[in-house]
Amino acid sequence: GEMLSQIRLDIASAAKMPLTKLFGISAAGFSSGE
C-alpha cells in the first residue's frame, strides 16, 4: 500500500495533476485539496 501511494504521487507529479483528478483520492489535511 505504501509503495502504491508513492507510485501514485510520482505519476501525479509527472502529469502535474492532483490525485483527486487522476485516481479519485480525496485530499487530506487542513487545506482540503484547495
Full PDB file with SEQRES, HELIX, SHEET, SSBOND, CRYST1, ORIGX, SCALE, CONECT and MASTER records, all heavy atoms in Angstrom:
SEQRES   1 A   34  GLY GLU MET LEU SER GLN ILE ARG LEU ASP ILE ALA SER          
SEQRES   2 A   34  ALA ALA LYS MET PRO LEU THR LYS LEU PHE GLY ILE SER          
SEQRES   3 A   34  ALA ALA GLY PHE SER SER GLY GLU                              
HELIX    1 AA1 GLU A    2  ALA A   15  1                                  14    
HELIX    2 AA2 LEU A   19  PHE A   23  1                                   5    
CRYST1    1.000    1.000    1.000  90.00  90.00  90.00 P 1           1          
ORIGX1      1.000000  0.000000  0.000000        0.00000                         
ORIGX2      0.000000  1.000000  0.000000        0.00000                         
ORIGX3      0.000000  0.000000  1.000000        0.00000                         
SCALE1      1.000000  0.000000  0.000000        0.00000                         
SCALE2      0.000000  1.000000  0.000000        0.00000                         
SCALE3      0.000000  0.000000  1.000000        0.00000                         
ATOM      1  N   GLY A   1       0.811  -1.208   0.000  1.00  0.00           N  
ATOM      2  CA  GLY A   1       0.000   0.000   0.000  1.00  0.00           C  
ATOM      3  C   GLY A   1       0.844   1.257   0.000  1.00  0.00           C  
ATOM      4  O   GLY A   1       0.557   2.221  -0.717  1.00  0.00           O  
ATOM      5  N   GLU A   2       1.924   1.251   0.790  1.00  0.00           N  
ATOM      6  CA  GLU A   2       2.812   2.407   0.817  1.00  0.00           C  
ATOM      7  C   GLU A   2       3.523   2.589  -0.516  1.00  0.00           C  
ATOM      8  O   GLU A   2       3.710   3.724  -0.987  1.00  0.00           O  
ATOM      9  CB  GLU A   2       3.842   2.265   1.935  1.00  0.00           C  
ATOM     10  CG  GLU A   2       3.251   2.373   3.347  1.00  0.00           C  
ATOM     11  CD  GLU A   2       2.529   1.113   3.777  1.00  0.00           C  
ATOM     12  OE1 GLU A   2       2.581   0.112   3.008  1.00  0.00           O  
ATOM     13  OE2 GLU A   2       1.922   1.117   4.852  1.00  0.00           O  
ATOM     14  N   MET A   3       3.910   1.481  -1.131  1.00  0.00           N  
ATOM     15  CA  MET A   3       4.549   1.561  -2.441  1.00  0.00           C  
ATOM     16  C   MET A   3       3.597   2.144  -3.480  1.00  0.00           C  
ATOM     17  O   MET A   3       3.976   3.005  -4.281  1.00  0.00           O  
ATOM     18  CB  MET A   3       5.026   0.180  -2.882  1.00  0.00           C  
ATOM     19  CG  MET A   3       6.172  -0.377  -2.075  1.00  0.00           C  
ATOM     20  SD  MET A   3       6.579  -2.074  -2.555  1.00  0.00           S  
ATOM     21  CE  MET A   3       6.910  -1.864  -4.290  1.00  0.00           C  
ATOM     22  N   LEU A   4       2.343   1.687  -3.456  1.00  0.00           N  
ATOM     23  CA  LEU A   4       1.362   2.175  -4.431  1.00  0.00           C  
ATOM     24  C   LEU A   4       1.091   3.660  -4.228  1.00  0.00           C  
ATOM     25  O   LEU A   4       0.927   4.411  -5.203  1.00  0.00           O  
ATOM     26  CB  LEU A   4       0.067   1.376  -4.314  1.00  0.00           C  
ATOM     27  CG  LEU A   4      -1.053   1.736  -5.296  1.00  0.00           C  
ATOM     28  CD1 LEU A   4      -0.573   1.585  -6.736  1.00  0.00           C  
ATOM     29  CD2 LEU A   4      -2.279   0.877  -5.045  1.00  0.00           C  
ATOM     30  N   SER A   5       1.054   4.100  -2.971  1.00  0.00           N  
ATOM     31  CA  SER A   5       0.826   5.521  -2.703  1.00  0.00           C  
ATOM     32  C   SER A   5       1.955   6.378  -3.266  1.00  0.00           C  
ATOM     33  O   SER A   5       1.715   7.433  -3.858  1.00  0.00           O  
ATOM     34  CB  SER A   5       0.695   5.755  -1.190  1.00  0.00           C  
ATOM     35  OG  SER A   5      -0.413   5.040  -0.665  1.00  0.00           O  
ATOM     36  N   GLN A   6       3.192   5.920  -3.094  1.00  0.00           N  
ATOM     37  CA  GLN A   6       4.322   6.676  -3.621  1.00  0.00           C  
ATOM     38  C   GLN A   6       4.328   6.675  -5.146  1.00  0.00           C  
ATOM     39  O   GLN A   6       4.650   7.690  -5.782  1.00  0.00           O  
ATOM     40  CB  GLN A   6       5.629   6.083  -3.090  1.00  0.00           C  
ATOM     41  CG  GLN A   6       6.872   6.860  -3.489  1.00  0.00           C  
ATOM     42  CD  GLN A   6       6.846   8.285  -3.001  1.00  0.00           C  
ATOM     43  OE1 GLN A   6       6.499   8.544  -1.856  1.00  0.00           O  
ATOM     44  NE2 GLN A   6       7.201   9.225  -3.860  1.00  0.00           N  
ATOM     45  N   ILE A   7       3.966   5.547  -5.746  1.00  0.00           N  
ATOM     46  CA  ILE A   7       3.906   5.475  -7.213  1.00  0.00           C  
ATOM     47  C   ILE A   7       2.837   6.422  -7.747  1.00  0.00           C  
ATOM     48  O   ILE A   7       3.030   7.103  -8.763  1.00  0.00           O  
ATOM     49  CB  ILE A   7       3.648   4.028  -7.658  1.00  0.00           C  
ATOM     50  CG1 ILE A   7       4.863   3.152  -7.342  1.00  0.00           C  
ATOM     51  CG2 ILE A   7       3.331   3.965  -9.150  1.00  0.00           C  
ATOM     52  CD1 ILE A   7       4.624   1.675  -7.589  1.00  0.00           C  
ATOM     53  N   ARG A   8       1.704   6.481  -7.073  1.00  0.00           N  
ATOM     54  CA  ARG A   8       0.653   7.404  -7.491  1.00  0.00           C  
ATOM     55  C   ARG A   8       1.116   8.853  -7.391  1.00  0.00           C  
ATOM     56  O   ARG A   8       0.793   9.682  -8.252  1.00  0.00           O  
ATOM     57  CB  ARG A   8      -0.595   7.187  -6.634  1.00  0.00           C  
ATOM     58  CG  ARG A   8      -1.370   5.923  -6.976  1.00  0.00           C  
ATOM     59  CD  ARG A   8      -2.479   5.686  -5.984  1.00  0.00           C  
ATOM     60  NE  ARG A   8      -3.342   4.573  -6.385  1.00  0.00           N  
ATOM     61  CZ  ARG A   8      -4.291   4.054  -5.613  1.00  0.00           C  
ATOM     62  NH1 ARG A   8      -4.503   4.567  -4.400  1.00  0.00           N  
ATOM     63  NH2 ARG A   8      -5.027   3.047  -6.050  1.00  0.00           N  
ATOM     64  N   LEU A   9       1.873   9.160  -6.350  1.00  0.00           N  
ATOM     65  CA  LEU A   9       2.412  10.509  -6.220  1.00  0.00           C  
ATOM     66  C   LEU A   9       3.377  10.834  -7.359  1.00  0.00           C  
ATOM     67  O   LEU A   9       3.382  11.960  -7.874  1.00  0.00           O  
ATOM     68  CB  LEU A   9       3.120  10.657  -4.875  1.00  0.00           C  
ATOM     69  CG  LEU A   9       2.233  10.753  -3.628  1.00  0.00           C  
ATOM     70  CD1 LEU A   9       3.092  10.788  -2.374  1.00  0.00           C  
ATOM     71  CD2 LEU A   9       1.344  11.982  -3.691  1.00  0.00           C  
ATOM     72  N   ASP A  10       4.188   9.851  -7.750  1.00  0.00           N  
ATOM     73  CA  ASP A  10       5.119  10.074  -8.860  1.00  0.00           C  
ATOM     74  C   ASP A  10       4.368  10.355 -10.163  1.00  0.00           C  
ATOM     75  O   ASP A  10       4.748  11.233 -10.940  1.00  0.00           O  
ATOM     76  CB  ASP A  10       6.033   8.862  -9.020  1.00  0.00           C  
ATOM     77  CG  ASP A  10       6.970   8.686  -7.833  1.00  0.00           C  
ATOM     78  OD1 ASP A  10       7.153   9.663  -7.085  1.00  0.00           O  
ATOM     79  OD2 ASP A  10       7.488   7.564  -7.642  1.00  0.00           O  
ATOM     80  N   ILE A  11       3.301   9.589 -10.417  1.00  0.00           N  
ATOM     81  CA  ILE A  11       2.517   9.806 -11.643  1.00  0.00           C  
ATOM     82  C   ILE A  11       1.842  11.174 -11.603  1.00  0.00           C  
ATOM     83  O   ILE A  11       1.852  11.919 -12.596  1.00  0.00           O  
ATOM     84  CB  ILE A  11       1.472   8.690 -11.806  1.00  0.00           C  
ATOM     85  CG1 ILE A  11       2.157   7.338 -12.031  1.00  0.00           C  
ATOM     86  CG2 ILE A  11       0.537   8.987 -12.973  1.00  0.00           C  
ATOM     87  CD1 ILE A  11       1.191   6.183 -12.166  1.00  0.00           C  
ATOM     88  N   ALA A  12       1.251  11.530 -10.462  1.00  0.00           N  
ATOM     89  CA  ALA A  12       0.583  12.826 -10.344  1.00  0.00           C  
ATOM     90  C   ALA A  12       1.577  13.969 -10.501  1.00  0.00           C  
ATOM     91  O   ALA A  12       1.263  14.998 -11.107  1.00  0.00           O  
ATOM     92  CB  ALA A  12      -0.128  12.919  -8.999  1.00  0.00           C  
ATOM     93  N   SER A  13       2.787  13.791  -9.970  1.00  0.00           N  
ATOM     94  CA  SER A  13       3.800  14.836 -10.102  1.00  0.00           C  
ATOM     95  C   SER A  13       4.246  15.000 -11.546  1.00  0.00           C  
ATOM     96  O   SER A  13       4.402  16.128 -12.035  1.00  0.00           O  
ATOM     97  CB  SER A  13       5.002  14.501  -9.218  1.00  0.00           C  
ATOM     98  OG  SER A  13       6.036  15.443  -9.384  1.00  0.00           O  
ATOM     99  N   ALA A  14       4.451  13.883 -12.250  1.00  0.00           N  
ATOM    100  CA  ALA A  14       4.876  13.964 -13.644  1.00  0.00           C  
ATOM    101  C   ALA A  14       3.776  14.523 -14.541  1.00  0.00           C  
ATOM    102  O   ALA A  14       4.052  15.252 -15.499  1.00  0.00           O  
ATOM    103  CB  ALA A  14       5.317  12.586 -14.139  1.00  0.00           C  
ATOM    104  N   ALA A  15       2.524  14.170 -14.254  1.00  0.00           N  
ATOM    105  CA  ALA A  15       1.401  14.643 -15.069  1.00  0.00           C  
ATOM    106  C   ALA A  15       0.922  16.025 -14.660  1.00  0.00           C  
ATOM    107  O   ALA A  15       0.068  16.607 -15.350  1.00  0.00           O  
ATOM    108  CB  ALA A  15       0.241  13.655 -14.976  1.00  0.00           C  
ATOM    109  N   LYS A  16       1.427  16.549 -13.534  1.00  0.00           N  
ATOM    110  CA  LYS A  16       1.003  17.850 -12.993  1.00  0.00           C  
ATOM    111  C   LYS A  16      -0.501  17.882 -12.747  1.00  0.00           C  
ATOM    112  O   LYS A  16      -1.188  18.850 -13.061  1.00  0.00           O  
ATOM    113  CB  LYS A  16       1.435  18.988 -13.912  1.00  0.00           C  
ATOM    114  CG  LYS A  16       2.939  19.157 -14.007  1.00  0.00           C  
ATOM    115  CD  LYS A  16       3.336  20.451 -14.682  1.00  0.00           C  
ATOM    116  CE  LYS A  16       2.980  20.436 -16.143  1.00  0.00           C  
ATOM    117  NZ  LYS A  16       3.490  21.638 -16.849  1.00  0.00           N  
ATOM    118  N   MET A  17      -1.004  16.779 -12.175  1.00  0.00           N  
ATOM    119  CA  MET A  17      -2.412  16.660 -11.842  1.00  0.00           C  
ATOM    120  C   MET A  17      -2.539  16.149 -10.413  1.00  0.00           C  
ATOM    121  O   MET A  17      -1.751  15.300  -9.989  1.00  0.00           O  
ATOM    122  CB  MET A  17      -3.128  15.708 -12.812  1.00  0.00           C  
ATOM    123  CG  MET A  17      -3.168  16.181 -14.246  1.00  0.00           C  
ATOM    124  SD  MET A  17      -3.961  14.987 -15.348  1.00  0.00           S  
ATOM    125  CE  MET A  17      -5.614  14.915 -14.656  1.00  0.00           C  
ATOM    126  N   PRO A  18      -3.520  16.613  -9.644  1.00  0.00           N  
ATOM    127  CA  PRO A  18      -3.704  16.114  -8.279  1.00  0.00           C  
ATOM    128  C   PRO A  18      -4.252  14.695  -8.270  1.00  0.00           C  
ATOM    129  O   PRO A  18      -4.842  14.224  -9.245  1.00  0.00           O  
ATOM    130  CB  PRO A  18      -4.694  17.111  -7.670  1.00  0.00           C  
ATOM    131  CG  PRO A  18      -5.440  17.658  -8.844  1.00  0.00           C  
ATOM    132  CD  PRO A  18      -4.472  17.688  -9.983  1.00  0.00           C  
ATOM    133  N   LEU A  19      -4.058  14.014  -7.148  1.00  0.00           N  
ATOM    134  CA  LEU A  19      -4.562  12.646  -7.011  1.00  0.00           C  
ATOM    135  C   LEU A  19      -6.082  12.590  -7.126  1.00  0.00           C  
ATOM    136  O   LEU A  19      -6.632  11.577  -7.545  1.00  0.00           O  
ATOM    137  CB  LEU A  19      -4.121  12.071  -5.667  1.00  0.00           C  
ATOM    138  CG  LEU A  19      -2.617  11.857  -5.470  1.00  0.00           C  
ATOM    139  CD1 LEU A  19      -2.320  11.404  -4.051  1.00  0.00           C  
ATOM    140  CD2 LEU A  19      -2.086  10.845  -6.467  1.00  0.00           C  
ATOM    141  N   THR A  20      -6.747  13.683  -6.759  1.00  0.00           N  
ATOM    142  CA  THR A  20      -8.202  13.703  -6.859  1.00  0.00           C  
ATOM    143  C   THR A  20      -8.664  13.542  -8.297  1.00  0.00           C  
ATOM    144  O   THR A  20      -9.649  12.856  -8.575  1.00  0.00           O  
ATOM    145  CB  THR A  20      -8.740  15.025  -6.281  1.00  0.00           C  
ATOM    146  OG1 THR A  20      -8.193  15.228  -4.985  1.00  0.00           O  
ATOM    147  CG2 THR A  20     -10.249  15.008  -6.195  1.00  0.00           C  
ATOM    148  N   LYS A  21      -7.968  14.170  -9.228  1.00  0.00           N  
ATOM    149  CA  LYS A  21      -8.350  14.094 -10.640  1.00  0.00           C  
ATOM    150  C   LYS A  21      -7.928  12.770 -11.271  1.00  0.00           C  
ATOM    151  O   LYS A  21      -8.649  12.225 -12.114  1.00  0.00           O  
ATOM    152  CB  LYS A  21      -7.713  15.251 -11.403  1.00  0.00           C  
ATOM    153  CG  LYS A  21      -8.246  16.618 -11.031  1.00  0.00           C  
ATOM    154  CD  LYS A  21      -9.676  16.793 -11.501  1.00  0.00           C  
ATOM    155  CE  LYS A  21     -10.186  18.185 -11.216  1.00  0.00           C  
ATOM    156  NZ  LYS A  21     -11.583  18.378 -11.700  1.00  0.00           N  
ATOM    157  N   LEU A  22      -6.767  12.239 -10.873  1.00  0.00           N  
ATOM    158  CA  LEU A  22      -6.251  11.039 -11.515  1.00  0.00           C  
ATOM    159  C   LEU A  22      -6.861   9.760 -10.964  1.00  0.00           C  
ATOM    160  O   LEU A  22      -7.261   8.877 -11.715  1.00  0.00           O  
ATOM    161  CB  LEU A  22      -4.730  10.992 -11.369  1.00  0.00           C  
ATOM    162  CG  LEU A  22      -3.901  11.711 -12.431  1.00  0.00           C  
ATOM    163  CD1 LEU A  22      -2.428  11.636 -12.087  1.00  0.00           C  
ATOM    164  CD2 LEU A  22      -4.147  11.139 -13.805  1.00  0.00           C  
ATOM    165  N   PHE A  23      -6.919   9.664  -9.635  1.00  0.00           N  
ATOM    166  CA  PHE A  23      -7.315   8.400  -9.011  1.00  0.00           C  
ATOM    167  C   PHE A  23      -8.578   8.521  -8.160  1.00  0.00           C  
ATOM    168  O   PHE A  23      -9.015   7.530  -7.588  1.00  0.00           O  
ATOM    169  CB  PHE A  23      -6.174   7.869  -8.122  1.00  0.00           C  
ATOM    170  CG  PHE A  23      -4.898   7.631  -8.873  1.00  0.00           C  
ATOM    171  CD1 PHE A  23      -3.874   8.559  -8.821  1.00  0.00           C  
ATOM    172  CD2 PHE A  23      -4.716   6.492  -9.644  1.00  0.00           C  
ATOM    173  CE1 PHE A  23      -2.679   8.352  -9.503  1.00  0.00           C  
ATOM    174  CE2 PHE A  23      -3.539   6.283 -10.332  1.00  0.00           C  
ATOM    175  CZ  PHE A  23      -2.526   7.206 -10.258  1.00  0.00           C  
ATOM    176  N   GLY A  24      -9.143   9.719  -8.059  1.00  0.00           N  
ATOM    177  CA  GLY A  24     -10.338   9.882  -7.245  1.00  0.00           C  
ATOM    178  C   GLY A  24     -10.077   9.803  -5.762  1.00  0.00           C  
ATOM    179  O   GLY A  24     -10.991   9.503  -4.984  1.00  0.00           O  
ATOM    180  N   ILE A  25      -8.831  10.052  -5.333  1.00  0.00           N  
ATOM    181  CA  ILE A  25      -8.473  10.005  -3.920  1.00  0.00           C  
ATOM    182  C   ILE A  25      -8.664  11.395  -3.333  1.00  0.00           C  
ATOM    183  O   ILE A  25      -8.073  12.370  -3.815  1.00  0.00           O  
ATOM    184  CB  ILE A  25      -7.017   9.534  -3.730  1.00  0.00           C  
ATOM    185  CG1 ILE A  25      -6.835   8.145  -4.352  1.00  0.00           C  
ATOM    186  CG2 ILE A  25      -6.636   9.514  -2.267  1.00  0.00           C  
ATOM    187  CD1 ILE A  25      -5.408   7.655  -4.304  1.00  0.00           C  
ATOM    188  N   SER A  26      -9.495  11.488  -2.299  1.00  0.00           N  
ATOM    189  CA  SER A  26      -9.749  12.790  -1.693  1.00  0.00           C  
ATOM    190  C   SER A  26      -8.516  13.291  -0.973  1.00  0.00           C  
ATOM    191  O   SER A  26      -7.715  12.516  -0.443  1.00  0.00           O  
ATOM    192  CB  SER A  26     -10.917  12.690  -0.706  1.00  0.00           C  
ATOM    193  OG  SER A  26     -10.618  11.747   0.309  1.00  0.00           O  
ATOM    194  N   ALA A  27      -8.344  14.606  -0.963  1.00  0.00           N  
ATOM    195  CA  ALA A  27      -7.193  15.215  -0.328  1.00  0.00           C  
ATOM    196  C   ALA A  27      -7.328  15.165   1.186  1.00  0.00           C  
ATOM    197  O   ALA A  27      -8.433  15.172   1.732  1.00  0.00           O  
ATOM    198  CB  ALA A  27      -7.028  16.666  -0.797  1.00  0.00           C  
ATOM    199  N   ALA A  28      -6.200  15.098   1.879  1.00  0.00           N  
ATOM    200  CA  ALA A  28      -6.168  15.065   3.331  1.00  0.00           C  
ATOM    201  C   ALA A  28      -5.424  16.283   3.844  1.00  0.00           C  
ATOM    202  O   ALA A  28      -4.577  16.849   3.156  1.00  0.00           O  
ATOM    203  CB  ALA A  28      -5.499  13.783   3.832  1.00  0.00           C  
ATOM    204  N   GLY A  29      -5.728  16.682   5.074  1.00  0.00           N  
ATOM    205  CA  GLY A  29      -5.044  17.825   5.662  1.00  0.00           C  
ATOM    206  C   GLY A  29      -5.973  19.018   5.821  1.00  0.00           C  
ATOM    207  O   GLY A  29      -7.165  18.970   5.497  1.00  0.00           O  
ATOM    208  N   PHE A  30      -5.418  20.113   6.320  1.00  0.00           N  
ATOM    209  CA  PHE A  30      -6.228  21.298   6.602  1.00  0.00           C  
ATOM    210  C   PHE A  30      -6.641  22.029   5.328  1.00  0.00           C  
ATOM    211  O   PHE A  30      -7.635  22.727   5.303  1.00  0.00           O  
ATOM    212  CB  PHE A  30      -5.444  22.250   7.508  1.00  0.00           C  
ATOM    213  CG  PHE A  30      -5.184  21.681   8.870  1.00  0.00           C  
ATOM    214  CD1 PHE A  30      -3.946  21.159   9.189  1.00  0.00           C  
ATOM    215  CD2 PHE A  30      -6.178  21.652   9.834  1.00  0.00           C  
ATOM    216  CE1 PHE A  30      -3.703  20.630  10.445  1.00  0.00           C  
ATOM    217  CE2 PHE A  30      -5.947  21.124  11.087  1.00  0.00           C  
ATOM    218  CZ  PHE A  30      -4.707  20.614  11.398  1.00  0.00           C  
ATOM    219  N   SER A  31      -5.847  21.896   4.267  1.00  0.00           N  
ATOM    220  CA  SER A  31      -6.166  22.631   3.035  1.00  0.00           C  
ATOM    221  C   SER A  31      -7.317  22.010   2.276  1.00  0.00           C  
ATOM    222  O   SER A  31      -7.921  22.651   1.430  1.00  0.00           O  
ATOM    223  CB  SER A  31      -4.927  22.672   2.124  1.00  0.00           C  
ATOM    224  OG  SER A  31      -4.563  21.362   1.722  1.00  0.00           O  
ATOM    225  N   SER A  32      -7.624  20.719   2.552  1.00  0.00           N  
ATOM    226  CA  SER A  32      -8.727  20.004   1.884  1.00  0.00           C  
ATOM    227  C   SER A  32      -8.590  20.021   0.370  1.00  0.00           C  
ATOM    228  O   SER A  32      -9.580  20.043  -0.354  1.00  0.00           O  
ATOM    229  CB  SER A  32     -10.084  20.603   2.298  1.00  0.00           C  
ATOM    230  OG  SER A  32     -10.264  20.491   3.688  1.00  0.00           O  
ATOM    231  N   GLY A  33      -7.373  20.046  -0.117  1.00  0.00           N  
ATOM    232  CA  GLY A  33      -7.137  19.973  -1.551  1.00  0.00           C  
ATOM    233  C   GLY A  33      -7.231  21.293  -2.273  1.00  0.00           C  
ATOM    234  O   GLY A  33      -7.169  21.314  -3.508  1.00  0.00           O  
ATOM    235  N   GLU A  34      -7.396  22.416  -1.571  1.00  0.00           N  
ATOM    236  CA  GLU A  34      -7.532  23.715  -2.224  1.00  0.00           C  
ATOM    237  C   GLU A  34      -6.272  24.071  -3.013  1.00  0.00           C  
ATOM    238  O   GLU A  34      -6.344  24.549  -4.144  1.00  0.00           O  
ATOM    239  CB  GLU A  34      -7.824  24.797  -1.180  1.00  0.00           C  
ATOM    240  CG  GLU A  34      -9.171  24.649  -0.490  1.00  0.00           C  
ATOM    241  CD  GLU A  34     -10.330  24.925  -1.422  1.00  0.00           C  
ATOM    242  OE1 GLU A  34     -10.118  25.631  -2.414  1.00  0.00           O  
ATOM    243  OE2 GLU A  34     -11.436  24.433  -1.163  1.00  0.00           O  
TER     244      GLU A  34                                                      
MASTER        0    0    0    2    0    0    0    6  243    1    0    3          
END                                                                             
